[in-house]
Every structure is written in C-alpha cells, then in structure tokens.
Protein backbone atom coordinates (compact mmCIF):
# COMPACT_ATOMS: atom_id res chain seq x y z
CA MET A 1 0.65 -14.04 -51.83
CA VAL A 2 -2.35 -14.20 -49.52
CA GLU A 3 -4.01 -10.84 -49.45
CA LYS A 4 -4.78 -9.50 -45.70
CA SER A 5 -7.88 -8.19 -45.14
CA ASP A 6 -8.39 -5.25 -42.89
CA ASN A 7 -9.14 -5.81 -39.25
CA PRO A 8 -8.87 -4.11 -35.77
CA TYR A 9 -5.36 -5.58 -35.38
CA ARG A 10 -3.66 -4.13 -38.37
CA HIS A 11 -4.47 -0.40 -36.91
CA LEU A 12 -2.95 -1.32 -33.36
CA PRO A 13 0.14 0.76 -32.08
CA ALA A 14 3.54 -1.76 -31.74
CA LYS A 15 2.77 -1.37 -27.81
CA ALA A 16 -0.27 -3.58 -28.55
CA PHE A 17 1.84 -6.73 -29.88
CA TRP A 18 4.00 -8.95 -27.53
CA ARG A 19 7.10 -9.00 -30.33
CA THR A 20 7.29 -4.88 -30.76
CA GLY A 21 6.11 -3.76 -27.25
CA VAL A 22 8.37 -6.45 -25.36
CA ALA A 23 10.43 -8.98 -26.70
CA GLU A 24 12.08 -6.24 -29.58
CA ALA A 25 12.27 -3.35 -26.85
CA GLY A 26 13.90 -5.42 -24.21
CA LEU A 27 13.44 -4.67 -20.42
CA PHE A 28 14.68 -1.19 -20.16
CA GLY A 29 13.56 -0.34 -23.65
CA LEU A 30 9.80 -0.58 -22.52
CA SER A 31 7.62 2.16 -23.14
CA GLN A 32 3.88 3.54 -22.90
CA LEU A 33 3.40 0.87 -19.70
CA TRP A 34 1.12 3.52 -18.16
CA SER A 35 -0.05 6.97 -18.53
CA SER A 36 -2.19 8.86 -15.87
CA ALA A 37 -6.13 8.81 -16.49
CA TRP A 38 -5.98 12.58 -14.82
CA THR A 39 -4.67 15.92 -15.88
CA LEU A 40 -3.36 16.87 -12.13
CA PRO A 41 -2.18 20.25 -10.82
CA ALA A 42 1.36 21.01 -11.05
CA ASP A 43 1.44 20.84 -7.35
CA ALA A 44 -0.81 17.72 -6.53
CA GLN A 45 -0.77 16.64 -3.30
CA PHE A 46 -0.37 12.74 -2.77
CA VAL A 47 -0.70 10.30 0.35
CA THR A 48 0.80 6.73 0.26
CA PHE A 49 -0.78 3.71 2.49
CA GLY A 50 -0.79 -0.02 1.89
CA SER A 51 1.71 -2.76 2.23
CA CYS A 52 5.48 -2.25 2.33
CA PHE A 53 6.09 -1.55 -1.29
CA ALA A 54 4.09 1.93 -0.94
CA GLN A 55 7.01 3.31 0.70
CA HIS A 56 9.16 3.53 -2.33
CA ILE A 57 6.09 5.51 -3.64
CA SER A 58 6.44 7.98 -1.17
CA ARG A 59 10.17 8.19 -0.88
CA ALA A 60 10.37 8.86 -4.87
CA LEU A 61 8.01 11.60 -4.06
CA ILE A 62 10.04 13.49 -1.50
CA SER A 63 13.02 12.44 -3.66
CA ARG A 64 11.77 14.55 -6.30
CA LYS A 65 10.58 17.46 -3.91
CA MET A 66 6.83 16.81 -4.56
CA ASN A 67 4.16 17.30 -2.42
CA TRP A 68 3.64 14.35 -0.10
CA LEU A 69 1.44 15.00 2.60
CA ASN A 70 2.63 13.77 6.21
CA ALA A 71 -0.35 14.13 8.01
CA GLU A 72 1.00 12.98 11.36
CA PRO A 73 4.72 13.87 11.42
CA ALA A 74 6.65 13.14 14.75
CA PRO A 75 6.53 15.55 17.69
CA GLY A 76 8.60 18.55 18.13
CA ARG A 77 12.51 18.30 17.13
CA THR A 78 12.44 14.40 17.25
CA PRO A 79 15.58 13.07 15.72
CA PRO A 80 14.73 11.04 12.76
CA GLU A 81 15.83 7.78 13.64
CA LEU A 82 13.57 7.64 16.80
CA ALA A 83 10.90 9.22 14.36
CA GLN A 84 11.36 5.92 12.00
CA LYS A 85 11.56 3.68 15.22
CA TYR A 86 8.20 4.75 16.59
CA ASN A 87 6.83 4.54 12.39
CA TYR A 88 6.36 8.24 11.89
CA GLY A 89 6.95 9.32 8.19
CA VAL A 90 6.51 5.71 7.15
CA PHE A 91 3.21 6.37 5.76
CA SER A 92 1.02 9.46 5.08
CA ALA A 93 -0.80 8.75 8.37
CA ARG A 94 0.46 6.63 11.56
CA THR A 95 -1.87 3.66 10.49
CA GLY A 96 1.34 1.02 9.56
CA ASN A 97 0.99 -1.38 6.88
CA ILE A 98 -2.34 -1.81 5.43
CA TYR A 99 -1.93 -5.32 3.80
CA THR A 100 -5.94 -6.09 3.19
CA ALA A 101 -9.26 -3.83 1.64
CA ALA A 102 -10.54 -5.09 4.69
CA GLN A 103 -8.22 -3.12 6.67
CA LEU A 104 -8.20 -0.03 4.76
CA LEU A 105 -12.15 -0.19 5.43
CA ILE A 106 -11.76 -0.03 8.95
CA TRP A 107 -9.47 3.09 8.78
CA ALA A 108 -12.17 4.62 6.03
CA ARG A 109 -14.74 4.28 9.00
CA LEU A 110 -12.70 5.51 11.86
CA ALA A 111 -11.64 8.42 9.77
CA SER A 112 -15.52 9.48 8.86
CA GLY A 113 -16.26 8.82 12.38
CA ALA A 114 -18.77 5.89 11.56
CA ALA A 115 -16.99 4.01 13.80
CA GLY A 116 -14.72 5.04 17.10
CA ALA A 117 -11.27 4.36 18.50
CA GLY A 118 -12.94 2.00 21.14
CA SER A 119 -14.22 -0.30 18.51
CA VAL A 120 -10.53 -1.42 17.79
CA GLU A 121 -9.39 -4.57 19.75
CA TYR A 122 -6.70 -3.93 22.47
CA TRP A 123 -3.96 -6.63 23.80
CA THR A 124 -2.60 -5.80 27.25
CA ASP A 125 0.79 -8.19 27.46
CA GLY A 126 2.56 -9.51 30.10
CA ALA A 127 4.25 -6.74 31.12
CA GLY A 128 0.89 -4.78 31.31
CA LEU A 129 1.50 -2.72 28.07
CA VAL A 130 -0.97 -2.59 25.72
CA HIS A 131 -1.19 -2.99 21.90
CA ASP A 132 -3.74 -1.99 19.46
CA MET A 133 -4.48 -4.98 16.98
CA LEU A 134 -4.88 -2.62 13.84
CA ARG A 135 -1.23 -1.51 14.60
CA PRO A 136 0.39 -3.94 16.61
CA LYS A 137 4.05 -2.85 16.16
CA ILE A 138 3.37 1.05 15.92
CA GLU A 139 4.42 1.39 19.58
CA PRO A 140 7.79 -0.53 20.03
CA GLN A 141 7.23 -1.50 23.25
CA GLY A 142 3.27 -0.97 23.79
CA PHE A 143 1.32 1.90 25.13
CA VAL A 144 1.15 2.29 29.06
CA SER A 145 -2.39 2.04 28.78
CA ARG A 146 -5.79 1.66 26.80
CA LYS A 147 -6.56 5.24 27.35
CA GLU A 148 -3.43 6.23 25.72
CA ALA A 149 -3.83 3.54 22.80
CA GLU A 150 -7.40 4.36 22.22
CA ALA A 151 -6.16 8.14 22.00
CA SER A 152 -3.50 7.23 19.53
CA VAL A 153 -5.74 5.32 17.31
CA ALA A 154 -8.18 8.37 17.10
CA SER A 155 -5.41 10.88 16.27
CA THR A 156 -4.24 8.42 13.62
CA ALA A 157 -7.59 8.28 12.43
CA ARG A 158 -8.14 12.26 12.43
CA ALA A 159 -4.72 12.39 10.49
CA PHE A 160 -6.12 9.54 8.15
CA ALA A 161 -9.31 11.96 7.62
CA ARG A 162 -6.72 14.81 6.68
CA CYS A 163 -5.41 12.72 4.07
CA ILE A 164 -8.69 12.03 2.55
CA THR A 165 -10.00 15.39 2.61
CA GLU A 166 -6.43 17.37 1.79
CA ALA A 167 -5.24 15.20 -1.16
CA ASP A 168 -5.50 15.12 -4.66
CA VAL A 169 -4.37 11.51 -5.11
CA LEU A 170 -4.28 8.38 -2.63
CA VAL A 171 -1.80 5.72 -3.93
CA PHE A 172 -2.86 2.57 -2.13
CA THR A 173 -0.73 -0.79 -2.65
CA LEU A 174 -2.74 -3.97 -2.30
CA GLY A 175 -0.41 -6.65 -0.67
CA LEU A 176 -2.16 -9.42 1.00
CA THR A 177 -5.42 -11.39 0.09
CA GLU A 178 -4.67 -13.82 3.28
CA GLY A 179 -5.18 -12.42 6.92
CA TRP A 180 -6.42 -13.08 10.66
CA ILE A 181 -9.92 -12.32 12.07
CA ASN A 182 -11.64 -12.37 15.45
CA THR A 183 -14.61 -14.95 14.76
CA ALA A 184 -16.82 -13.40 17.47
CA THR A 185 -16.41 -9.64 16.70
CA GLY A 186 -15.07 -9.95 12.99
CA GLN A 187 -12.16 -7.89 13.76
CA SER A 188 -9.57 -8.07 11.06
CA TYR A 189 -5.69 -8.19 12.12
CA SER A 190 -2.93 -6.88 10.56
CA ILE A 191 -0.65 -9.89 11.65
CA CYS A 192 -1.95 -13.29 13.17
CA PRO A 193 -2.19 -12.80 16.69
CA GLY A 194 0.46 -14.25 18.84
CA THR A 195 3.29 -13.60 16.11
CA GLY A 196 3.84 -10.16 17.16
CA VAL A 197 1.95 -9.29 20.08
CA GLY A 198 -1.28 -11.04 21.54
CA THR A 199 -1.92 -14.37 22.34
CA PHE A 200 -3.40 -16.86 19.59
CA GLU A 201 -6.76 -18.83 20.63
CA GLU A 202 -8.12 -21.79 18.71
CA GLY A 203 -11.60 -21.19 17.94
CA VAL A 204 -11.19 -17.32 18.44
CA HIS A 205 -8.74 -16.58 15.87
CA ALA A 206 -9.17 -17.94 12.32
CA PHE A 207 -7.19 -17.46 9.08
CA HIS A 208 -8.98 -15.93 6.34
CA ASN A 209 -8.27 -15.98 2.63
CA TYR A 210 -10.28 -12.90 0.94
CA THR A 211 -11.81 -13.91 -2.19
CA TYR A 212 -12.22 -11.59 -5.20
CA PRO A 213 -15.60 -10.70 -4.18
CA GLU A 214 -14.95 -9.84 -0.74
CA ILE A 215 -11.84 -7.81 -1.46
CA LEU A 216 -13.77 -5.82 -4.25
CA ARG A 217 -16.95 -5.38 -1.71
CA ASP A 218 -14.64 -3.90 0.93
CA LEU A 219 -12.48 -1.76 -1.48
CA GLU A 220 -15.47 -0.16 -3.07
CA ALA A 221 -16.88 0.40 0.35
CA ALA A 222 -13.91 2.14 1.46
CA LEU A 223 -13.45 4.44 -1.34
CA GLN A 224 -17.19 5.29 -1.43
CA ILE A 225 -16.77 6.54 2.23
CA MET A 226 -13.57 8.29 0.87
CA TRP A 227 -15.53 10.01 -1.80
CA GLN A 228 -18.16 11.18 0.17
CA MET A 229 -15.64 13.10 2.58
CA ASN A 230 -13.35 14.40 -0.51
CA PRO A 231 -15.78 14.08 -4.09
CA ASP A 232 -12.37 15.10 -5.86
CA LEU A 233 -10.19 12.38 -4.29
CA HIS A 234 -8.38 10.39 -6.94
CA VAL A 235 -7.45 6.86 -6.04
CA LEU A 236 -4.51 5.49 -7.84
CA LEU A 237 -4.10 1.47 -6.80
CA THR A 238 -0.91 -0.60 -7.42
CA VAL A 239 -0.03 -4.29 -6.51
CA SER A 240 3.03 -5.02 -4.45
CA PRO A 241 5.37 -7.59 -6.63
CA VAL A 242 7.06 -8.54 -2.97
CA PRO A 243 6.04 -12.40 -2.60
CA LEU A 244 4.30 -13.64 0.51
CA VAL A 245 6.80 -14.15 3.61
CA ALA A 246 4.85 -17.15 4.52
CA THR A 247 1.55 -18.78 3.65
CA ALA A 248 -1.32 -20.36 6.09
CA SER A 249 -3.53 -21.50 3.22
CA GLY A 250 -1.79 -24.71 3.14
CA ASP A 251 -0.36 -24.39 -0.51
CA HIS A 252 3.09 -23.84 -1.37
CA VAL A 253 4.16 -20.27 -0.82
CA LEU A 254 4.77 -20.21 -4.39
CA VAL A 255 1.36 -20.98 -5.42
CA ALA A 256 -0.27 -18.95 -2.70
CA THR A 257 1.68 -15.78 -3.79
CA GLN A 258 0.40 -16.08 -7.46
CA TYR A 259 -3.35 -16.63 -6.22
CA SER A 260 -2.80 -13.47 -3.80
CA LYS A 261 -1.44 -11.38 -6.49
CA SER A 262 -3.66 -12.40 -9.34
CA VAL A 263 -6.74 -11.67 -7.49
CA LEU A 264 -5.60 -8.55 -6.08
CA ARG A 265 -4.75 -7.46 -9.71
CA ALA A 266 -7.90 -8.39 -11.04
CA VAL A 267 -9.73 -6.23 -8.54
CA ALA A 268 -7.76 -3.46 -8.89
CA GLY A 269 -7.95 -3.59 -12.69
CA ASP A 270 -11.86 -3.97 -12.49
CA MET A 271 -11.91 -0.96 -10.19
CA ALA A 272 -9.97 1.51 -12.44
CA ASN A 273 -12.30 0.14 -15.42
CA SER A 274 -15.39 0.84 -13.37
CA HIS A 275 -14.33 4.52 -11.80
CA ALA A 276 -12.99 7.26 -13.54
CA GLN A 277 -11.58 8.23 -10.32
CA VAL A 278 -9.44 5.08 -9.83
CA ASP A 279 -6.66 4.42 -11.81
CA TYR A 280 -4.25 1.33 -12.07
CA PHE A 281 -0.41 1.76 -11.95
CA PRO A 282 1.41 -1.49 -13.18
CA SER A 283 4.21 -1.68 -10.61
CA TYR A 284 3.94 -5.34 -10.28
CA GLU A 285 3.98 -6.18 -13.97
CA ILE A 286 7.30 -4.28 -14.04
CA ILE A 287 8.77 -6.50 -11.47
CA ALA A 288 7.15 -9.77 -11.83
CA ALA A 289 6.02 -9.92 -15.67
CA PRO A 290 8.10 -12.42 -17.60
CA SER A 291 9.72 -9.72 -19.40
CA SER A 292 12.01 -8.94 -16.47
CA ARG A 293 13.61 -12.56 -16.08
CA GLY A 294 13.58 -12.08 -12.20
CA THR A 295 16.24 -9.39 -12.86
CA PHE A 296 15.00 -7.21 -9.88
CA PHE A 297 14.73 -9.94 -7.13
CA GLU A 298 17.45 -10.13 -4.45
CA PRO A 299 19.10 -13.31 -3.97
CA ASN A 300 15.92 -14.41 -1.69
CA MET A 301 13.85 -13.84 -4.23
CA ARG A 302 11.73 -11.45 -2.33
CA ALA A 303 13.20 -8.07 -1.87
CA ILE A 304 13.36 -5.87 -4.88
CA ALA A 305 16.75 -4.40 -5.99
CA HIS A 306 17.12 -0.76 -6.10
CA ASP A 307 17.67 -0.97 -9.90
CA GLY A 308 13.79 -2.49 -10.19
CA VAL A 309 12.54 0.26 -7.84
CA ASP A 310 14.26 2.87 -9.88
CA LEU A 311 12.75 1.28 -13.15
CA VAL A 312 9.27 1.40 -11.66
CA MET A 313 9.55 4.82 -10.73
CA ARG A 314 10.66 6.20 -13.95
CA HIS A 315 7.86 4.69 -15.64
CA PHE A 316 5.50 6.25 -12.80
CA PHE A 317 6.59 9.54 -13.36
CA ALA A 318 6.87 9.31 -17.25
CA GLY A 319 3.18 8.75 -17.19
CA LEU A 320 2.29 11.30 -14.42
CA ASP A 321 0.49 14.29 -15.97
CA LEU A 322 1.21 17.20 -13.80
CA SER A 323 0.01 19.91 -16.77
CA ALA A 324 -3.11 21.36 -15.06
CA PRO A 325 -2.48 24.67 -13.09
CA ALA A 326 -1.23 24.97 -9.47
CA ARG A 327 -3.39 25.53 -7.04
CA ARG A 328 -1.56 25.63 -3.83
CA ALA A 329 1.58 27.01 -2.56
CA GLY A 330 3.98 24.38 -1.39
CA THR A 331 2.04 22.49 1.30
CA GLY A 332 2.49 19.24 2.62
CA GLY A 333 5.94 18.40 1.16
CA ASP A 334 8.20 19.07 4.07
CA ALA A 335 6.47 18.27 6.94
CA GLY A 336 8.00 15.02 8.24
CA ARG A 337 10.42 15.15 5.02
CA ALA A 338 13.54 14.45 7.46
CA ALA A 339 12.12 11.30 9.03
CA VAL A 340 11.40 10.09 4.94
CA GLU A 341 14.95 11.01 4.19
CA ALA A 342 16.30 9.19 7.20
CA GLN A 343 14.40 5.86 5.73
CA MET A 344 15.91 6.33 2.61
CA GLN A 345 19.45 6.56 4.27
CA ALA A 346 18.89 3.31 6.27
CA GLU A 347 17.43 1.86 2.97
CA GLU A 348 15.18 -0.38 5.18
CA LEU A 349 11.28 -0.80 4.55
CA VAL A 350 9.11 -1.23 7.46
CA CYS A 351 7.35 -4.51 7.17
CA GLU A 352 5.18 -6.15 9.72
CA GLU A 353 4.98 -9.29 7.55
CA MET A 354 8.40 -9.90 8.02
CA LEU A 355 7.77 -11.19 11.67
CA LEU A 356 6.42 -14.39 9.97
CA GLU A 357 9.94 -15.46 9.07
CA THR A 358 10.91 -15.64 12.28
CA PHE A 359 8.77 -18.52 13.20
CA ASN A 360 10.38 -20.71 10.26
CA GLU A 361 12.40 -22.88 12.09
CA ARG A 362 13.62 -25.00 9.15
C-alpha cells in the first residue's frame, strides 16, 4: 500500500470535497454553505435593494418579524394593494429595481448630496406626464410635472440616505451587467428608453455591457460614499440566480446570462475578500449550481419556484449570527409591513426587466 504523505488536503473538512460536501449530501442535505462574517445585534436592522430577487429577502425578514427598515412607506392609510401598485414597500426605499452597480452609485451620490434630483434625466410622454429614468415605472401613469417628479426623486434620495445611516446591514442583489446609457450625458438607465417610457434615439442611447473593472469600480465608489455616511454599515452582496429576460449583446441569451452572472459573482467575491464590512451570500449557487439539476426553476426556466426560495432562505437564516446584544427597541420592522405582506399574498415580484418580453414577437 502506498503511504500517504501529510499535506493540507488531509486536514480539510468534509465540506471542502465535492463527494462528501455535495454528491453524498444531496441537494437538501447541503450544510455550512454560508456563515455570516459578522456577529450582529439580535435586533439588527436590514435594508434591501437590487434586482427582483432581492424582494425575497425582504419578505423573509418580514415573515420572521425581524427588523426590515421601510424608510419610505406609503402615505397615511393607503390600502396595501394600492401601495404595491405605486411601488411602496417593494424595497427599503422607493428606488425600484437597481440592476447595476452604476445605478447604485447614482443613488449613493443622490443620498449623500453629491448630486441633486435635477441631475436625473426626465422624460415627458405624449400625454404630458413626466417619468424619471432612474425609476421609469415607479408611478404607473407618470408624474403630472417635472417639479413633482424631482420632488419624488429627492424624497427617495432622503429615504435611501436614512437606509444607509440607520441600517446595520444593507443587502444588495446584483442582477445585470447589461444596461443602456445616454452617450451625451452618461446617464445610466434602468431599462432601455422606448421599452417602457421615453423614446429610443439611435446615436444618443447606447447599449453598454459593463465589464468586471467597471462594475468593481462603481460598486467600490458607491460603498465608499455609504461608509462615509455610516462607517459601521455592513454590506451583504448576493447575485440573482434569475436569467436575463433578453440580451442586446448579440450573443445567445443563454451565453449572455452566464457571462453576466459570472462577472457579477466574481465582483461580489472579490469585494467580500477585500473588505471586512462586505460579505457574500450564495443564493446564486444554491439555485443555479449543478447540484440543483435545475430543480428550482419553473417551466419557463427563469422564475424561481417557492421551494427554491425557501431553501435559499433556510441557508440564509442558518448562517446569520445575531448573537450580539440588542441595541434598539423594535424599530423599522412594522413600518410598511402590510404592503410587503400584501405582496407575499400576491406571490408576485416587481420586476421592470420583464417589460422586455413584450417585445418578443416570435
């Protein structure tokens, strides 16, 4: 028998090997996928932003009666269904989907006061209603005037600032590398002009597939602004496992999806490795890795089934360390709870990217 020499692999735990960590464990036997890099207070306050998948985390926090801060709740006694229609209680402020790091940087600048609401691009439609291109579908019909639209952006910027300064943990779900920009102003759009609101202009509006260096740069810049506002803020990054609805890259949408998710995963991992206040949670891997065999995708191979979301959340809360003493008395968890619980009943996510499917005429 060949004698085995001592080496680092002989002392690794079972989770470090594919056979014992994945193959023999089975999909529902996976363990130790993630443990929080931080010890948080028992009443830690969370805020959630990003792509559509981020809404699952806010719902899970709400359902467990944890402190999810809704910094921009619907006015007065707005019925939950109407609040949802007007995008209240979807994220911790009324930002709508933030799909790219470039958009997150814009919100960080608005929140810090480095940029004002007037810096955002606004569109007036044929009916004279105004839409801001950071949140093109935030008002279903649009605002009655640019003044009103700017006031709404400013209100959300203040709410976003409150999220940064009051939260213990900001959970941000990276969703896309693909986006559209104004070549003259550099304005980054959440959706392509002309697909939801606005008019597409060749030569003015350009497709841009953000590269790893660009995403890393923008994410780093956004977080540095946030840490200036709150040096104690923890940032938990995730990558949405939901494939692209459509791609303008010229590649097949399957290839474009894998590129996008791979780049985002690399950025998130490197940010977590280089900053003690940044951590990464593997929601993408739980759903999309070979071990799942596509089990958690609905028949359209894009939407995530409830069982998959539940499994992601079980790993999330199993790895969360809330053993530090509580610091506040029940703040943030109740504001806007009804709006989020209404969404949970509706079983629908607010996802602006889905507008692109309406242009698939095949």
